């Protein structure tokens, strides 16, 4: 097993299977990515506003990484080993963006100080936000190249991952992505210091540069993974009292995304826990938790069906 690195300037602004990989690794290797924040470095700790923000330069991802032995039909397991944020972050209202953009037409920017596991509002700022918030960092963007040719925006999520913006993908978690091209072509970015479940309803979280280390492993025995699946951290430091396996649905229609999340959990339960379809469907109703993971970055929603492992064990 080898350790590799991807530099800050090794990034791209579209999911496109024609982009050449920046490195090639073996299954099981560990890679550290040095990532700018979602503004692509346009916002700095001294920024006062977002007047000069170029929207087309947002949400770059670092990579892609070619993984030897990864082929279409395989699953790429992404184990999050460590995340280190910068000592600052930002949250903004971008006109025309966010769940209530029509009700909040004016731009706004808040700069945060990040230290000792917390985000702090800056001294002297006229803010009514709580002064101190506990950090739970994760990468908002993790994905592999789509099988279809062409360039696809990094703003929305897809069946192959991308901007899934799911706070449960913190240190100790494992993300499972369906591979559609040779080598998978994995990329990552969009560092978040903290974000609520259901994504960034105002359009942003506490965005921050980050260094993130992941282990990439090719799995040949999970053909049921057709959208992002994940296993939450089992660490005692996790804020979740329960460990979950989650399947997702990704669709422009929120009902169809929800139906897909449940359908994919049934496939998982049948394949991994040898349940029949009727019992698996019933268990989803009895013990599963439906969550909105991404509701802002259109055109696609991400809905999760989360199953507590204690039920399955």
Protein backbone atom coordinates (compact mmCIF):
# COMPACT_ATOMS: atom_id res chain seq x y z
CA UNK A 1 0.00 0.00 0.00
CA UNK A 2 1.37 3.41 -1.03
CA UNK A 3 0.67 6.99 0.01
CA UNK A 4 0.17 9.63 -2.68
CA UNK A 5 -0.72 13.32 -2.84
CA UNK A 6 -2.72 15.61 -5.12
CA UNK A 7 -1.77 19.27 -5.11
CA UNK A 8 -4.04 22.28 -4.80
CA UNK A 9 -3.61 23.29 -8.45
CA UNK A 10 -4.48 19.81 -9.75
CA UNK A 11 -8.18 20.55 -10.05
CA UNK A 12 -11.00 20.76 -12.58
CA UNK A 13 -14.45 22.33 -12.88
CA UNK A 14 -16.47 19.57 -14.56
CA UNK A 15 -17.07 15.83 -14.30
CA UNK A 16 -15.70 14.61 -17.62
CA UNK A 17 -14.25 11.19 -18.39
CA UNK A 18 -11.92 12.73 -20.98
CA UNK A 19 -9.93 14.67 -18.33
CA UNK A 20 -6.56 12.90 -17.94
CA UNK A 21 -5.73 11.62 -14.45
CA UNK A 22 -3.19 13.52 -12.36
CA UNK A 23 -1.96 10.32 -10.69
CA UNK A 24 -2.48 6.56 -10.97
CA UNK A 25 -2.78 4.44 -7.81
CA UNK A 26 -3.44 0.85 -6.81
CA UNK A 27 -6.56 -0.33 -5.03
CA UNK A 28 -6.04 0.17 -1.30
CA UNK A 29 -3.69 3.13 -1.67
CA UNK A 30 -4.03 6.28 0.42
CA UNK A 31 -4.13 9.75 -1.15
CA UNK A 32 -3.91 13.18 0.51
CA UNK A 33 -5.62 16.02 -1.35
CA UNK A 34 -4.81 19.70 -0.74
CA UNK A 35 -8.05 21.50 -1.63
CA UNK A 36 -9.01 25.14 -1.92
CA UNK A 37 -12.42 26.24 -0.62
CA UNK A 38 -15.50 26.17 -2.86
CA UNK A 39 -14.81 29.72 -4.08
CA UNK A 40 -11.64 28.41 -5.75
CA UNK A 41 -9.62 30.88 -3.70
CA UNK A 42 -11.71 33.91 -4.67
CA UNK A 43 -12.81 34.50 -1.07
CA UNK A 44 -10.05 35.09 1.49
CA UNK A 45 -9.96 35.75 5.25
CA UNK A 46 -9.88 39.48 4.53
CA UNK A 47 -12.80 39.53 2.07
CA UNK A 48 -15.57 42.01 2.88
CA UNK A 49 -18.12 41.04 0.24
CA UNK A 50 -18.70 38.75 -2.75
CA UNK A 51 -19.15 41.46 -5.38
CA UNK A 52 -16.30 40.12 -7.53
CA UNK A 53 -17.20 36.42 -7.16
CA UNK A 54 -17.15 34.59 -10.51
CA UNK A 55 -19.82 31.90 -10.16
CA UNK A 56 -18.48 29.79 -13.03
CA UNK A 57 -15.27 29.20 -11.04
CA UNK A 58 -17.01 27.73 -7.99
CA UNK A 59 -16.90 24.13 -6.73
CA UNK A 60 -13.69 22.91 -8.33
CA UNK A 61 -12.61 19.37 -7.40
CA UNK A 62 -9.11 17.91 -7.10
CA UNK A 63 -8.07 15.00 -9.27
CA UNK A 64 -8.92 12.93 -11.12
CA UNK A 65 -7.22 9.84 -9.70
CA UNK A 66 -7.03 6.69 -11.82
CA UNK A 67 -7.32 3.50 -9.73
CA UNK A 68 -5.81 0.41 -11.31
CA UNK A 69 -8.24 -2.54 -11.61
CA UNK A 70 -11.35 -0.33 -11.37
CA UNK A 71 -13.76 -1.17 -14.21
CA UNK A 72 -17.37 -0.33 -15.07
CA UNK A 73 -19.71 -2.27 -12.81
CA UNK A 74 -17.29 -2.17 -9.86
CA UNK A 75 -17.75 -0.12 -6.69
CA UNK A 76 -15.18 2.35 -5.39
CA UNK A 77 -14.95 2.45 -1.61
CA UNK A 78 -13.75 5.82 -0.28
CA UNK A 79 -12.65 5.62 3.34
CA UNK A 80 -12.20 9.04 4.95
CA UNK A 81 -9.00 8.82 7.02
CA UNK A 82 -8.38 12.40 8.13
CA UNK A 83 -9.48 15.99 7.49
CA UNK A 84 -7.69 19.18 8.49
CA UNK A 85 -9.42 22.49 7.84
CA UNK A 86 -7.82 25.89 7.45
CA UNK A 87 -8.04 28.32 10.38
CA UNK A 88 -10.84 30.23 8.70
CA UNK A 89 -14.00 29.70 6.71
CA UNK A 90 -16.86 31.59 5.12
CA UNK A 91 -20.62 31.48 4.65
CA UNK A 92 -22.37 33.57 2.00
CA UNK A 93 -25.70 34.36 0.44
CA UNK A 94 -25.23 34.38 -3.32
CA UNK A 95 -28.04 36.17 -5.20
CA UNK A 96 -30.14 33.69 -7.17
CA UNK A 97 -28.77 30.69 -5.24
CA UNK A 98 -30.14 28.83 -2.22
CA UNK A 99 -33.47 27.32 -1.23
CA UNK A 100 -35.08 30.70 -0.42
CA UNK A 101 -33.14 32.81 -2.91
CA UNK A 102 -36.30 34.67 -3.92
CA UNK A 103 -36.79 35.81 -0.31
CA UNK A 104 -33.12 36.76 0.24
CA UNK A 105 -32.07 38.69 -2.90
CA UNK A 106 -29.16 40.60 -1.31
CA UNK A 107 -25.60 39.22 -1.12
CA UNK A 108 -24.06 38.64 2.31
CA UNK A 109 -20.77 37.26 3.63
CA UNK A 110 -19.69 36.00 7.05
CA UNK A 111 -16.05 35.08 7.81
CA UNK A 112 -15.42 32.58 10.61
CA UNK A 113 -12.36 31.77 12.72
CA UNK A 114 -11.79 28.01 13.03
CA UNK A 115 -9.77 26.81 16.01
CA UNK A 116 -9.69 24.09 18.65
CA UNK A 117 -12.62 22.23 17.10
CA UNK A 118 -15.01 25.18 16.90
CA UNK A 119 -16.10 27.94 14.52
CA UNK A 120 -16.21 31.42 16.05
CA UNK A 121 -17.84 34.57 14.74
CA UNK A 122 -15.34 37.38 14.49
CA UNK A 123 -15.01 39.95 17.23
CA UNK A 124 -16.70 43.23 16.44
CA UNK A 125 -18.94 41.84 13.70
CA UNK A 126 -22.63 42.71 13.89
CA UNK A 127 -23.86 39.12 13.99
CA UNK A 128 -26.76 37.48 15.81
CA UNK A 129 -25.47 33.97 14.96
CA UNK A 130 -24.31 31.96 18.01
CA UNK A 131 -20.68 32.88 18.74
CA UNK A 132 -19.40 29.29 18.86
CA UNK A 133 -20.33 26.21 16.78
CA UNK A 134 -18.76 22.76 17.00
CA UNK A 135 -16.93 21.64 13.84
CA UNK A 136 -17.74 18.46 11.94
CA UNK A 137 -15.66 18.73 8.76
CA UNK A 138 -16.25 16.76 5.58
CA UNK A 139 -15.79 17.05 1.83
CA UNK A 140 -18.96 18.16 0.07
CA UNK A 141 -17.75 16.84 -3.29
CA UNK A 142 -16.66 13.23 -3.80
CA UNK A 143 -17.29 11.45 -7.04
CA UNK A 144 -16.12 9.47 -10.03
CA UNK A 145 -16.38 10.28 -13.73
CA UNK A 146 -19.69 9.53 -15.45
CA UNK A 147 -19.80 6.99 -18.23
CA UNK A 148 -21.53 9.43 -20.58
CA UNK A 149 -19.20 11.61 -22.69
CA UNK A 150 -19.16 15.34 -22.12
CA UNK A 151 -18.57 17.87 -19.35
CA UNK A 152 -21.05 17.89 -16.45
CA UNK A 153 -21.17 20.72 -13.91
CA UNK A 154 -19.72 20.09 -10.46
CA UNK A 155 -22.62 22.02 -8.86
CA UNK A 156 -25.29 19.26 -8.75
CA UNK A 157 -25.00 15.70 -7.43
CA UNK A 158 -25.23 12.66 -9.71
CA UNK A 159 -25.59 8.89 -9.45
CA UNK A 160 -21.77 8.78 -9.56
CA UNK A 161 -21.48 11.19 -6.61
CA UNK A 162 -20.25 14.74 -6.98
CA UNK A 163 -21.80 17.46 -4.85
CA UNK A 164 -23.62 15.16 -2.42
CA UNK A 165 -23.06 17.61 0.48
CA UNK A 166 -23.77 14.98 3.14
CA UNK A 167 -22.54 15.80 6.63
CA UNK A 168 -22.30 12.11 7.57
CA UNK A 169 -19.22 11.70 5.33
CA UNK A 170 -16.89 12.75 8.14
CA UNK A 171 -13.70 11.04 9.35
CA UNK A 172 -14.25 7.31 9.78
CA UNK A 173 -17.06 7.05 7.24
CA UNK A 174 -17.00 5.04 4.02
CA UNK A 175 -18.56 6.18 0.75
CA UNK A 176 -19.41 3.67 -1.99
CA UNK A 177 -19.58 4.94 -5.59
CA UNK A 178 -20.60 3.07 -8.76
CA UNK A 179 -17.76 2.93 -11.28
CA UNK A 180 -18.75 3.76 -14.88
CA UNK A 181 -15.34 4.18 -16.56
CA UNK A 182 -11.98 2.43 -16.50
CA UNK A 183 -9.93 3.64 -13.52
CA UNK A 184 -13.00 5.25 -11.90
CA UNK A 185 -11.37 8.74 -12.10
CA UNK A 186 -12.05 9.89 -8.53
CA UNK A 187 -12.03 13.56 -7.49
CA UNK A 188 -12.78 15.41 -4.24
CA UNK A 189 -13.22 18.96 -2.95
CA UNK A 190 -15.62 21.53 -1.46
CA UNK A 191 -14.38 21.47 2.14
CA UNK A 192 -17.02 22.11 4.78
CA UNK A 193 -16.17 22.86 8.42
CA UNK A 194 -19.79 22.34 9.46
CA UNK A 195 -23.14 21.94 7.71
CA UNK A 196 -26.64 20.86 8.65
CA UNK A 197 -28.36 17.73 7.40
CA UNK A 198 -30.31 18.47 4.23
CA UNK A 199 -27.47 20.45 2.68
CA UNK A 200 -26.69 24.12 2.57
CA UNK A 201 -30.17 25.63 2.48
CA UNK A 202 -28.76 29.17 2.12
CA UNK A 203 -26.46 27.92 -0.65
CA UNK A 204 -23.26 27.57 1.42
CA UNK A 205 -22.04 25.86 4.59
CA UNK A 206 -18.96 27.06 6.48
CA UNK A 207 -16.74 26.70 3.43
CA UNK A 208 -13.04 26.18 4.08
CA UNK A 209 -9.82 25.01 2.43
CA UNK A 210 -8.87 21.55 3.66
CA UNK A 211 -6.38 18.73 3.53
CA UNK A 212 -8.22 15.43 3.30
CA UNK A 213 -6.79 11.91 3.22
CA UNK A 214 -8.79 8.99 1.83
CA UNK A 215 -8.14 5.33 1.08
CA UNK A 216 -9.49 4.16 -2.29
CA UNK A 217 -10.41 0.49 -2.63
CA UNK A 218 -12.01 -1.27 -5.59
CA UNK A 219 -14.81 -3.69 -4.66
CA UNK A 220 -15.92 -6.33 -7.17
CA UNK A 221 -18.86 -7.80 -5.21
CA UNK A 222 -21.38 -4.96 -4.84
CA UNK A 223 -23.28 -4.72 -8.14
CA UNK A 224 -26.29 -3.30 -6.28
CA UNK A 225 -24.47 0.03 -5.75
CA UNK A 226 -25.94 2.23 -8.49
CA UNK A 227 -25.97 5.52 -6.56
CA UNK A 228 -23.81 6.78 -3.67
CA UNK A 229 -24.09 4.60 -0.57
CA UNK A 230 -22.29 5.27 2.70
CA UNK A 231 -21.52 3.79 6.09
CA UNK A 232 -21.34 6.30 8.91
CA UNK A 233 -18.40 6.42 11.31
CA UNK A 234 -18.25 3.95 14.18
CA UNK A 235 -15.93 6.27 16.12
CA UNK A 236 -16.89 7.10 19.68
CA UNK A 237 -16.15 10.73 18.80
CA UNK A 238 -18.94 10.77 16.20
CA UNK A 239 -21.98 12.84 17.17
CA UNK A 240 -24.22 9.98 15.99
CA UNK A 241 -25.10 7.53 18.73
CA UNK A 242 -25.93 4.90 16.12
CA UNK A 243 -24.00 3.65 13.10
CA UNK A 244 -25.97 3.60 9.83
CA UNK A 245 -25.76 2.20 6.34
CA UNK A 246 -27.34 4.62 3.87
CA UNK A 247 -28.54 4.22 0.31
CA UNK A 248 -29.46 7.25 -1.79
CA UNK A 249 -31.72 8.28 -4.59
CA UNK A 250 -30.61 11.03 -6.97
CA UNK A 251 -33.24 12.56 -9.23
CA UNK A 252 -34.67 15.93 -10.37
CA UNK A 253 -38.02 14.82 -8.89
CA UNK A 254 -37.92 14.66 -5.10
CA UNK A 255 -40.52 11.87 -4.93
CA UNK A 256 -38.61 9.76 -7.45
CA UNK A 257 -35.37 10.39 -5.53
CA UNK A 258 -37.12 9.17 -2.38
CA UNK A 259 -38.51 6.09 -4.12
CA UNK A 260 -35.04 5.30 -5.47
CA UNK A 261 -33.48 5.60 -2.00
CA UNK A 262 -35.94 3.05 -0.60
CA UNK A 263 -35.61 0.78 -3.63
CA UNK A 264 -31.82 0.83 -3.30
CA UNK A 265 -32.04 -0.06 0.40
CA UNK A 266 -34.19 -3.06 -0.51
CA UNK A 267 -31.53 -4.16 -3.01
CA UNK A 268 -28.84 -3.76 -0.34
CA UNK A 269 -30.78 -5.74 2.29
CA UNK A 270 -31.48 -8.55 -0.16
CA UNK A 271 -27.87 -8.73 -1.38
CA UNK A 272 -25.93 -8.23 1.85
CA UNK A 273 -28.34 -9.57 4.48
CA UNK A 274 -30.15 -12.26 2.45
CA UNK A 275 -33.60 -10.82 3.11
CA UNK A 276 -36.50 -11.31 0.72
CA UNK A 277 -37.94 -8.23 -0.98
CA UNK A 278 -41.16 -8.16 1.03
CA UNK A 279 -39.37 -8.34 4.38
CA UNK A 280 -36.78 -5.80 3.25
CA UNK A 281 -39.53 -3.37 2.22
CA UNK A 282 -41.25 -3.85 5.57
CA UNK A 283 -37.99 -3.26 7.46
CA UNK A 284 -37.49 0.03 5.59
CA UNK A 285 -40.89 1.13 6.92
CA UNK A 286 -40.27 -0.12 10.47
CA UNK A 287 -36.66 0.89 11.10
CA UNK A 288 -35.35 3.03 8.24
CA UNK A 289 -34.91 6.81 8.44
CA UNK A 290 -35.46 8.94 5.34
CA UNK A 291 -33.24 12.04 5.20
CA UNK A 292 -32.91 14.96 2.84
CA UNK A 293 -29.17 15.16 2.14
CA UNK A 294 -29.08 17.63 -0.78
CA UNK A 295 -31.95 19.95 -1.73
CA UNK A 296 -30.21 23.06 -3.09
CA UNK A 297 -27.85 22.22 -5.96
CA UNK A 298 -30.31 21.73 -8.77
CA UNK A 299 -31.39 20.02 -10.88
CA UNK A 300 -30.95 16.96 -8.65
CA UNK A 301 -32.02 16.09 -5.12
CA UNK A 302 -30.26 13.53 -2.92
CA UNK A 303 -32.53 11.61 -0.54
CA UNK A 304 -31.10 9.00 1.82
CA UNK A 305 -32.61 5.90 3.40
CA UNK A 306 -30.56 5.29 6.57
CA UNK A 307 -30.73 1.88 8.26
CA UNK A 308 -29.31 1.49 11.80
CA UNK A 309 -26.78 -1.34 11.91
CA UNK A 310 -28.04 -2.38 15.35
CA UNK A 311 -31.23 -3.59 13.64
CA UNK A 312 -29.24 -5.73 11.20
CA UNK A 313 -26.82 -7.11 13.78
